[in-house]
């Protein structure tokens, strides 16, 4: 069953080497993400599943040890899902915190998407698919937190995945172990201001406000009722991830807390915990 969840955004700008001169501006967001991950560790899960948006050809499961790169953003840095900095090919980038000193070993996954992605049982460091950007950012956050509380696996979600498939996947993931934690990656609307990546859409602020409220109160009904078409219009990458969370959290009795709700650069970023 689901015992804890953390919701974090997934802009590559979270990585200071990518943000460069803008890195100090996002320090409060990084700190909020670290606080959220500490809630996951405190829940003592048996398994941590990281979910985030992915291109249709990059969805499905990613076993522990899967690598992601930020070379496409001009930074020669590689991260590995479930690896500590400097361990077995990890890069060593990212500040250490108090959350542990050893990498968790890979755990089996029992899940698939409609595309039949390989589950990667026992693949460990031999995983060949590169992490999508959202999961690479999540892997960097886990490295920064020195995650060691449970085995980690990733799951890429197509942003067009239907609502009922999202919630069904969430229920399946919640049943995959006695104590499941989720790290949910995804951004709000990228149309909050005139200078936003998608320009201004007058509907964006109200939609983001409802998402923030639902995440902060663990309102699974409101999240499951998000309109996929509106989310697509507003360039909201987190819709599918949040609806998987809604399915996983339905009936779990978890309480939400909103740790961050801002729109730097015209993009809505939320950090929340369910525990």
C-alpha atoms as a PDB file:
ATOM      1  CA  UNK A   1       0.000   0.000   0.000  1.00  0.00           C
ATOM      2  CA  UNK A   2       1.039   3.605  -0.429  1.00  0.00           C
ATOM      3  CA  UNK A   3       2.636   4.932   2.757  1.00  0.00           C
ATOM      4  CA  UNK A   4       4.146   8.181   1.468  1.00  0.00           C
ATOM      5  CA  UNK A   5       4.526  10.312  -1.626  1.00  0.00           C
ATOM      6  CA  UNK A   6       6.583  13.332  -2.571  1.00  0.00           C
ATOM      7  CA  UNK A   7       5.693  15.603  -5.470  1.00  0.00           C
ATOM      8  CA  UNK A   8       8.528  17.595  -7.044  1.00  0.00           C
ATOM      9  CA  UNK A   9       8.919  19.499 -10.306  1.00  0.00           C
ATOM     10  CA  UNK A  10      11.430  18.303 -12.880  1.00  0.00           C
ATOM     11  CA  UNK A  11      13.087  21.274 -14.624  1.00  0.00           C
ATOM     12  CA  UNK A  12      16.749  20.575 -15.424  1.00  0.00           C
ATOM     13  CA  UNK A  13      17.392  24.037 -13.914  1.00  0.00           C
ATOM     14  CA  UNK A  14      17.123  22.343 -10.519  1.00  0.00           C
ATOM     15  CA  UNK A  15      20.680  21.122 -11.150  1.00  0.00           C
ATOM     16  CA  UNK A  16      22.958  24.053 -10.196  1.00  0.00           C
ATOM     17  CA  UNK A  17      25.506  23.274 -12.908  1.00  0.00           C
ATOM     18  CA  UNK A  18      22.757  23.708 -15.498  1.00  0.00           C
ATOM     19  CA  UNK A  19      21.175  26.747 -13.857  1.00  0.00           C
ATOM     20  CA  UNK A  20      24.579  28.457 -13.581  1.00  0.00           C
ATOM     21  CA  UNK A  21      23.973  32.099 -12.602  1.00  0.00           C
ATOM     22  CA  UNK A  22      20.301  31.426 -11.859  1.00  0.00           C
ATOM     23  CA  UNK A  23      21.123  28.656  -9.387  1.00  0.00           C
ATOM     24  CA  UNK A  24      20.628  30.789  -6.217  1.00  0.00           C
ATOM     25  CA  UNK A  25      17.127  31.733  -7.333  1.00  0.00           C
ATOM     26  CA  UNK A  26      16.041  28.109  -7.178  1.00  0.00           C
ATOM     27  CA  UNK A  27      17.703  27.271  -3.859  1.00  0.00           C
ATOM     28  CA  UNK A  28      14.370  27.402  -1.953  1.00  0.00           C
ATOM     29  CA  UNK A  29      12.885  24.969  -4.480  1.00  0.00           C
ATOM     30  CA  UNK A  30      15.805  22.551  -4.066  1.00  0.00           C
ATOM     31  CA  UNK A  31      15.485  22.773  -0.302  1.00  0.00           C
ATOM     32  CA  UNK A  32      11.752  22.023  -0.491  1.00  0.00           C
ATOM     33  CA  UNK A  33      12.467  18.966  -2.666  1.00  0.00           C
ATOM     34  CA  UNK A  34      15.029  17.739  -0.119  1.00  0.00           C
ATOM     35  CA  UNK A  35      12.482  18.157   2.665  1.00  0.00           C
ATOM     36  CA  UNK A  36       9.924  16.184   0.655  1.00  0.00           C
ATOM     37  CA  UNK A  37      12.344  13.321   0.037  1.00  0.00           C
ATOM     38  CA  UNK A  38      13.124  13.185   3.745  1.00  0.00           C
ATOM     39  CA  UNK A  39       9.416  12.499   4.352  1.00  0.00           C
ATOM     40  CA  UNK A  40       9.674   9.487   2.035  1.00  0.00           C
ATOM     41  CA  UNK A  41      12.670   8.147   3.951  1.00  0.00           C
ATOM     42  CA  UNK A  42      10.913   8.627   7.297  1.00  0.00           C
ATOM     43  CA  UNK A  43       8.041   6.417   6.084  1.00  0.00           C
ATOM     44  CA  UNK A  44      10.434   3.422   5.865  1.00  0.00           C
ATOM     45  CA  UNK A  45       9.120   2.108   2.546  1.00  0.00           C
ATOM     46  CA  UNK A  46       9.935  -1.289   1.071  1.00  0.00           C
ATOM     47  CA  UNK A  47      10.131   0.220  -2.408  1.00  0.00           C
ATOM     48  CA  UNK A  48      10.441   3.687  -3.934  1.00  0.00           C
ATOM     49  CA  UNK A  49       8.989   4.193  -7.389  1.00  0.00           C
ATOM     50  CA  UNK A  50       9.909   7.367  -9.259  1.00  0.00           C
ATOM     51  CA  UNK A  51       7.446   8.529 -11.915  1.00  0.00           C
ATOM     52  CA  UNK A  52       7.727  11.356 -14.427  1.00  0.00           C
ATOM     53  CA  UNK A  53       6.726  12.485 -17.908  1.00  0.00           C
ATOM     54  CA  UNK A  54       8.428  10.836 -20.863  1.00  0.00           C
ATOM     55  CA  UNK A  55       8.142  10.750 -24.625  1.00  0.00           C
ATOM     56  CA  UNK A  56       5.924   7.947 -25.952  1.00  0.00           C
ATOM     57  CA  UNK A  57       8.982   5.931 -26.988  1.00  0.00           C
ATOM     58  CA  UNK A  58      10.592   6.369 -23.554  1.00  0.00           C
ATOM     59  CA  UNK A  59       7.772   5.291 -21.263  1.00  0.00           C
ATOM     60  CA  UNK A  60       7.690   2.191 -19.119  1.00  0.00           C
ATOM     61  CA  UNK A  61       9.975   0.864 -16.413  1.00  0.00           C
ATOM     62  CA  UNK A  62      13.571   1.788 -15.598  1.00  0.00           C
ATOM     63  CA  UNK A  63      15.397  -0.489 -13.136  1.00  0.00           C
ATOM     64  CA  UNK A  64      17.718   0.706 -10.436  1.00  0.00           C
ATOM     65  CA  UNK A  65      21.024   1.767 -11.952  1.00  0.00           C
ATOM     66  CA  UNK A  66      19.511   3.233 -15.121  1.00  0.00           C
ATOM     67  CA  UNK A  67      21.589   6.201 -16.252  1.00  0.00           C
ATOM     68  CA  UNK A  68      20.542   9.659 -17.327  1.00  0.00           C
ATOM     69  CA  UNK A  69      22.617  12.447 -18.813  1.00  0.00           C
ATOM     70  CA  UNK A  70      22.465  16.249 -18.823  1.00  0.00           C
ATOM     71  CA  UNK A  71      24.751  16.611 -21.830  1.00  0.00           C
ATOM     72  CA  UNK A  72      21.812  17.861 -23.846  1.00  0.00           C
ATOM     73  CA  UNK A  73      21.739  20.874 -21.533  1.00  0.00           C
ATOM     74  CA  UNK A  74      25.418  21.632 -21.987  1.00  0.00           C
ATOM     75  CA  UNK A  75      26.644  19.896 -18.820  1.00  0.00           C
ATOM     76  CA  UNK A  76      28.730  16.724 -18.925  1.00  0.00           C
ATOM     77  CA  UNK A  77      27.050  14.987 -16.007  1.00  0.00           C
ATOM     78  CA  UNK A  78      25.587  11.510 -15.622  1.00  0.00           C
ATOM     79  CA  UNK A  79      23.285  10.320 -12.854  1.00  0.00           C
ATOM     80  CA  UNK A  80      22.041   6.850 -11.997  1.00  0.00           C
ATOM     81  CA  UNK A  81      18.720   5.943 -10.498  1.00  0.00           C
ATOM     82  CA  UNK A  82      19.211   4.644  -6.988  1.00  0.00           C
ATOM     83  CA  UNK A  83      22.955   5.343  -6.905  1.00  0.00           C
ATOM     84  CA  UNK A  84      24.879   7.432  -4.411  1.00  0.00           C
ATOM     85  CA  UNK A  85      27.358  10.048  -5.690  1.00  0.00           C
ATOM     86  CA  UNK A  86      30.632   8.389  -6.634  1.00  0.00           C
ATOM     87  CA  UNK A  87      29.242   4.829  -6.396  1.00  0.00           C
ATOM     88  CA  UNK A  88      29.609   2.362  -9.291  1.00  0.00           C
ATOM     89  CA  UNK A  89      29.724   4.864 -12.093  1.00  0.00           C
ATOM     90  CA  UNK A  90      27.687   7.665 -10.556  1.00  0.00           C
ATOM     91  CA  UNK A  91      29.114  11.105 -11.130  1.00  0.00           C
ATOM     92  CA  UNK A  92      29.668  12.428  -7.645  1.00  0.00           C
ATOM     93  CA  UNK A  93      27.763  15.647  -8.390  1.00  0.00           C
ATOM     94  CA  UNK A  94      25.256  16.840  -5.793  1.00  0.00           C
ATOM     95  CA  UNK A  95      25.538  17.814  -2.169  1.00  0.00           C
ATOM     96  CA  UNK A  96      25.241  15.161   0.535  1.00  0.00           C
ATOM     97  CA  UNK A  97      22.618  15.299   3.265  1.00  0.00           C
ATOM     98  CA  UNK A  98      21.914  13.248   6.334  1.00  0.00           C
ATOM     99  CA  UNK A  99      19.732  10.594   4.739  1.00  0.00           C
ATOM    100  CA  UNK A 100      22.128   7.650   4.521  1.00  0.00           C
ATOM    101  CA  UNK A 101      25.361   6.307   3.117  1.00  0.00           C
ATOM    102  CA  UNK A 102      24.682   3.258   0.959  1.00  0.00           C
ATOM    103  CA  UNK A 103      22.944   2.706  -2.359  1.00  0.00           C
ATOM    104  CA  UNK A 104      19.885   0.470  -2.338  1.00  0.00           C
ATOM    105  CA  UNK A 105      19.981  -2.597  -4.525  1.00  0.00           C
ATOM    106  CA  UNK A 106      17.600  -3.086  -7.419  1.00  0.00           C
ATOM    107  CA  UNK A 107      14.127  -4.486  -6.717  1.00  0.00           C
ATOM    108  CA  UNK A 108      11.910  -6.375  -9.133  1.00  0.00           C
ATOM    109  CA  UNK A 109       9.107  -4.453 -10.759  1.00  0.00           C
ATOM    110  CA  UNK A 110       5.791  -5.969 -11.734  1.00  0.00           C
ATOM    111  CA  UNK A 111       4.492  -3.183 -13.906  1.00  0.00           C
ATOM    112  CA  UNK A 112       4.188  -2.315 -17.573  1.00  0.00           C
ATOM    113  CA  UNK A 113       2.618   0.357 -19.724  1.00  0.00           C
ATOM    114  CA  UNK A 114       0.498  -0.224 -22.759  1.00  0.00           C
ATOM    115  CA  UNK A 115       3.694  -0.322 -24.828  1.00  0.00           C
ATOM    116  CA  UNK A 116       4.980  -3.402 -23.019  1.00  0.00           C
ATOM    117  CA  UNK A 117       8.272  -1.952 -21.815  1.00  0.00           C
ATOM    118  CA  UNK A 118      10.669  -4.482 -20.336  1.00  0.00           C
ATOM    119  CA  UNK A 119      10.477  -4.644 -16.556  1.00  0.00           C
ATOM    120  CA  UNK A 120      14.224  -5.133 -16.212  1.00  0.00           C
ATOM    121  CA  UNK A 121      14.277  -7.794 -13.474  1.00  0.00           C
ATOM    122  CA  UNK A 122      17.773  -7.982 -12.050  1.00  0.00           C
ATOM    123  CA  UNK A 123      19.146  -5.623 -14.697  1.00  0.00           C
ATOM    124  CA  UNK A 124      20.978  -3.445 -12.168  1.00  0.00           C
ATOM    125  CA  UNK A 125      23.799  -1.478 -13.777  1.00  0.00           C
ATOM    126  CA  UNK A 126      23.233  -3.240 -17.110  1.00  0.00           C
ATOM    127  CA  UNK A 127      20.138  -1.200 -17.958  1.00  0.00           C
ATOM    128  CA  UNK A 128      20.518   0.206 -21.470  1.00  0.00           C
ATOM    129  CA  UNK A 129      17.731   2.772 -21.843  1.00  0.00           C
ATOM    130  CA  UNK A 130      18.710   6.287 -20.853  1.00  0.00           C
ATOM    131  CA  UNK A 131      16.447   7.954 -18.325  1.00  0.00           C
ATOM    132  CA  UNK A 132      14.077  10.602 -19.658  1.00  0.00           C
ATOM    133  CA  UNK A 133      14.842  14.102 -18.411  1.00  0.00           C
ATOM    134  CA  UNK A 134      12.213  14.018 -15.657  1.00  0.00           C
ATOM    135  CA  UNK A 135      13.631  10.826 -14.146  1.00  0.00           C
ATOM    136  CA  UNK A 136      17.205  12.085 -14.531  1.00  0.00           C
ATOM    137  CA  UNK A 137      16.315  15.163 -12.468  1.00  0.00           C
ATOM    138  CA  UNK A 138      14.627  12.918  -9.881  1.00  0.00           C
ATOM    139  CA  UNK A 139      17.716  10.703  -9.805  1.00  0.00           C
ATOM    140  CA  UNK A 140      19.837  13.806  -9.161  1.00  0.00           C
ATOM    141  CA  UNK A 141      17.548  14.791  -6.273  1.00  0.00           C
ATOM    142  CA  UNK A 142      17.891  11.310  -4.777  1.00  0.00           C
ATOM    143  CA  UNK A 143      21.679  11.403  -5.164  1.00  0.00           C
ATOM    144  CA  UNK A 144      21.690  14.808  -3.463  1.00  0.00           C
ATOM    145  CA  UNK A 145      19.646  13.350  -0.598  1.00  0.00           C
ATOM    146  CA  UNK A 146      21.900  10.253  -0.445  1.00  0.00           C
ATOM    147  CA  UNK A 147      18.822   8.047  -0.668  1.00  0.00           C
ATOM    148  CA  UNK A 148      19.266   4.628   0.934  1.00  0.00           C
ATOM    149  CA  UNK A 149      15.895   3.947   2.533  1.00  0.00           C
ATOM    150  CA  UNK A 150      14.593   1.446  -0.057  1.00  0.00           C
ATOM    151  CA  UNK A 151      15.240   0.005  -3.526  1.00  0.00           C
ATOM    152  CA  UNK A 152      14.422   2.431  -6.336  1.00  0.00           C
ATOM    153  CA  UNK A 153      12.897   1.942  -9.755  1.00  0.00           C
ATOM    154  CA  UNK A 154      11.640   4.429 -12.331  1.00  0.00           C
ATOM    155  CA  UNK A 155       8.580   4.680 -14.512  1.00  0.00           C
ATOM    156  CA  UNK A 156       8.237   7.006 -17.505  1.00  0.00           C
ATOM    157  CA  UNK A 157       4.721   8.158 -18.311  1.00  0.00           C
ATOM    158  CA  UNK A 158       3.462   9.356 -21.655  1.00  0.00           C
ATOM    159  CA  UNK A 159       1.864  12.766 -21.139  1.00  0.00           C
ATOM    160  CA  UNK A 160      -1.104  11.573 -23.225  1.00  0.00           C
ATOM    161  CA  UNK A 161      -1.820   8.523 -21.044  1.00  0.00           C
ATOM    162  CA  UNK A 162      -5.576   8.316 -20.452  1.00  0.00           C
ATOM    163  CA  UNK A 163      -6.947   9.180 -17.025  1.00  0.00           C
ATOM    164  CA  UNK A 164      -8.328   5.714 -16.327  1.00  0.00           C
ATOM    165  CA  UNK A 165      -4.994   4.108 -17.218  1.00  0.00           C
ATOM    166  CA  UNK A 166      -3.186   6.530 -14.920  1.00  0.00           C
ATOM    167  CA  UNK A 167      -5.381   5.773 -11.934  1.00  0.00           C
ATOM    168  CA  UNK A 168      -5.324   2.025 -12.650  1.00  0.00           C
ATOM    169  CA  UNK A 169      -1.527   2.116 -12.786  1.00  0.00           C
ATOM    170  CA  UNK A 170      -1.467   3.968  -9.477  1.00  0.00           C
ATOM    171  CA  UNK A 171      -3.579   1.298  -7.821  1.00  0.00           C
ATOM    172  CA  UNK A 172      -1.309  -1.401  -9.246  1.00  0.00           C
ATOM    173  CA  UNK A 173       1.822   0.325  -7.986  1.00  0.00           C
ATOM    174  CA  UNK A 174       0.318   0.769  -4.523  1.00  0.00           C
ATOM    175  CA  UNK A 175      -0.290  -2.988  -4.346  1.00  0.00           C
ATOM    176  CA  UNK A 176       3.242  -3.888  -5.452  1.00  0.00           C
ATOM    177  CA  UNK A 177       4.682  -4.045  -1.903  1.00  0.00           C
ATOM    178  CA  UNK A 178       3.539  -3.784   1.687  1.00  0.00           C
ATOM    179  CA  UNK A 179       4.997  -0.278   1.991  1.00  0.00           C
ATOM    180  CA  UNK A 180       5.286   1.709  -1.236  1.00  0.00           C
ATOM    181  CA  UNK A 181       6.567   5.266  -1.593  1.00  0.00           C
ATOM    182  CA  UNK A 182       6.253   7.360  -4.730  1.00  0.00           C
ATOM    183  CA  UNK A 183       8.394  10.246  -5.949  1.00  0.00           C
ATOM    184  CA  UNK A 184       6.175  12.062  -8.428  1.00  0.00           C
ATOM    185  CA  UNK A 185       7.861  14.351 -10.969  1.00  0.00           C
ATOM    186  CA  UNK A 186       6.061  16.885 -13.133  1.00  0.00           C
ATOM    187  CA  UNK A 187       5.559  20.593 -13.721  1.00  0.00           C
ATOM    188  CA  UNK A 188       2.504  22.795 -13.722  1.00  0.00           C
ATOM    189  CA  UNK A 189       1.517  25.086 -16.553  1.00  0.00           C
ATOM    190  CA  UNK A 190       4.265  26.634 -18.669  1.00  0.00           C
ATOM    191  CA  UNK A 191       1.902  29.469 -19.645  1.00  0.00           C
ATOM    192  CA  UNK A 192       1.721  31.539 -16.467  1.00  0.00           C
ATOM    193  CA  UNK A 193       3.251  34.792 -17.795  1.00  0.00           C
ATOM    194  CA  UNK A 194       3.959  36.618 -21.030  1.00  0.00           C
ATOM    195  CA  UNK A 195       7.586  35.447 -20.872  1.00  0.00           C
ATOM    196  CA  UNK A 196       6.713  31.839 -20.057  1.00  0.00           C
ATOM    197  CA  UNK A 197       7.832  29.140 -22.518  1.00  0.00           C
ATOM    198  CA  UNK A 198       4.282  28.834 -23.854  1.00  0.00           C
ATOM    199  CA  UNK A 199       3.300  32.522 -23.527  1.00  0.00           C
ATOM    200  CA  UNK A 200       0.409  33.632 -21.293  1.00  0.00           C
ATOM    201  CA  UNK A 201      -2.839  31.702 -21.038  1.00  0.00           C
ATOM    202  CA  UNK A 202      -5.411  33.312 -18.740  1.00  0.00           C
ATOM    203  CA  UNK A 203      -6.579  29.864 -17.564  1.00  0.00           C
ATOM    204  CA  UNK A 204      -3.163  28.792 -16.314  1.00  0.00           C
ATOM    205  CA  UNK A 205      -3.080  30.458 -12.890  1.00  0.00           C
ATOM    206  CA  UNK A 206      -6.478  29.116 -11.832  1.00  0.00           C
ATOM    207  CA  UNK A 207      -5.675  25.589 -13.014  1.00  0.00           C
ATOM    208  CA  UNK A 208      -2.330  25.601 -11.215  1.00  0.00           C
ATOM    209  CA  UNK A 209      -4.004  26.907  -8.061  1.00  0.00           C
ATOM    210  CA  UNK A 210      -6.426  23.976  -8.083  1.00  0.00           C
ATOM    211  CA  UNK A 211      -3.577  21.511  -8.601  1.00  0.00           C
ATOM    212  CA  UNK A 212      -1.646  23.060  -5.707  1.00  0.00           C
ATOM    213  CA  UNK A 213      -4.714  22.826  -3.472  1.00  0.00           C
ATOM    214  CA  UNK A 214      -5.339  19.194  -4.415  1.00  0.00           C
ATOM    215  CA  UNK A 215      -1.705  18.205  -3.885  1.00  0.00           C
ATOM    216  CA  UNK A 216      -1.559  20.024  -0.560  1.00  0.00           C
ATOM    217  CA  UNK A 217      -4.706  18.349   0.750  1.00  0.00           C
ATOM    218  CA  UNK A 218      -4.200  14.876  -0.795  1.00  0.00           C
ATOM    219  CA  UNK A 219      -7.440  15.335  -2.732  1.00  0.00           C
ATOM    220  CA  UNK A 220      -7.381  12.266  -4.979  1.00  0.00           C
ATOM    221  CA  UNK A 221     -10.788  13.042  -6.484  1.00  0.00           C
ATOM    222  CA  UNK A 222      -9.756  16.501  -7.674  1.00  0.00           C
ATOM    223  CA  UNK A 223      -6.528  15.174  -9.174  1.00  0.00           C
ATOM    224  CA  UNK A 224      -8.322  12.370 -11.007  1.00  0.00           C
ATOM    225  CA  UNK A 225     -10.741  14.931 -12.474  1.00  0.00           C
ATOM    226  CA  UNK A 226      -8.045  17.073 -14.088  1.00  0.00           C
ATOM    227  CA  UNK A 227      -8.890  17.606 -17.766  1.00  0.00           C
ATOM    228  CA  UNK A 228      -6.127  16.090 -19.944  1.00  0.00           C
ATOM    229  CA  UNK A 229      -6.999  18.385 -22.849  1.00  0.00           C
ATOM    230  CA  UNK A 230      -6.764  21.503 -20.714  1.00  0.00           C
ATOM    231  CA  UNK A 231      -3.509  20.247 -19.212  1.00  0.00           C
ATOM    232  CA  UNK A 232      -2.119  19.761 -22.702  1.00  0.00           C
ATOM    233  CA  UNK A 233      -3.233  23.249 -23.770  1.00  0.00           C
ATOM    234  CA  UNK A 234      -1.506  24.717 -20.715  1.00  0.00           C
ATOM    235  CA  UNK A 235       1.720  22.727 -21.287  1.00  0.00           C
ATOM    236  CA  UNK A 236       1.273  21.039 -17.907  1.00  0.00           C
ATOM    237  CA  UNK A 237       3.681  18.090 -17.899  1.00  0.00           C
ATOM    238  CA  UNK A 238       2.689  16.677 -14.508  1.00  0.00           C
ATOM    239  CA  UNK A 239      -0.933  15.752 -15.222  1.00  0.00           C
ATOM    240  CA  UNK A 240      -0.391  12.019 -15.829  1.00  0.00           C
ATOM    241  CA  UNK A 241       1.988  11.678 -12.869  1.00  0.00           C
ATOM    242  CA  UNK A 242      -0.465  13.371 -10.507  1.00  0.00           C
ATOM    243  CA  UNK A 243      -3.282  11.122 -11.695  1.00  0.00           C
ATOM    244  CA  UNK A 244      -1.169   8.025 -11.054  1.00  0.00           C
ATOM    245  CA  UNK A 245      -0.689   9.429  -7.545  1.00  0.00           C
ATOM    246  CA  UNK A 246      -4.457   9.866  -7.262  1.00  0.00           C
ATOM    247  CA  UNK A 247      -4.986   6.187  -8.058  1.00  0.00           C
ATOM    248  CA  UNK A 248      -2.269   5.063  -5.666  1.00  0.00           C
ATOM    249  CA  UNK A 249      -3.479   7.284  -2.843  1.00  0.00           C
ATOM    250  CA  UNK A 250      -7.188   6.554  -3.128  1.00  0.00           C
ATOM    251  CA  UNK A 251      -8.283   5.088   0.203  1.00  0.00           C
ATOM    252  CA  UNK A 252      -4.792   5.239   1.733  1.00  0.00           C
ATOM    253  CA  UNK A 253      -5.801   7.845   4.313  1.00  0.00           C
ATOM    254  CA  UNK A 254      -2.716  10.005   3.763  1.00  0.00           C
ATOM    255  CA  UNK A 255      -2.527  13.686   4.692  1.00  0.00           C
ATOM    256  CA  UNK A 256      -1.056  16.261   2.333  1.00  0.00           C
ATOM    257  CA  UNK A 257       1.232  19.226   2.905  1.00  0.00           C
ATOM    258  CA  UNK A 258       2.177  21.856   0.316  1.00  0.00           C
ATOM    259  CA  UNK A 259       5.810  22.917   0.709  1.00  0.00           C
ATOM    260  CA  UNK A 260       6.305  25.082  -2.389  1.00  0.00           C
ATOM    261  CA  UNK A 261       4.013  26.788  -4.904  1.00  0.00           C
ATOM    262  CA  UNK A 262       5.673  29.347  -7.177  1.00  0.00           C
ATOM    263  CA  UNK A 263       6.011  30.070 -10.879  1.00  0.00           C
ATOM    264  CA  UNK A 264       9.571  31.231 -11.571  1.00  0.00           C
ATOM    265  CA  UNK A 265      10.145  31.801 -15.257  1.00  0.00           C
ATOM    266  CA  UNK A 266       6.390  31.509 -15.831  1.00  0.00           C
ATOM    267  CA  UNK A 267       6.186  27.768 -15.051  1.00  0.00           C
ATOM    268  CA  UNK A 268       4.216  26.382 -12.113  1.00  0.00           C
ATOM    269  CA  UNK A 269       6.349  24.356  -9.709  1.00  0.00           C
ATOM    270  CA  UNK A 270       4.838  22.484  -6.760  1.00  0.00           C
ATOM    271  CA  UNK A 271       6.422  20.513  -3.947  1.00  0.00           C
ATOM    272  CA  UNK A 272       4.085  18.498  -1.730  1.00  0.00           C
ATOM    273  CA  UNK A 273       4.150  15.497   0.565  1.00  0.00           C
ATOM    274  CA  UNK A 274       1.570  12.851   1.414  1.00  0.00           C
ATOM    275  CA  UNK A 275       2.159  10.856   4.564  1.00  0.00           C
END
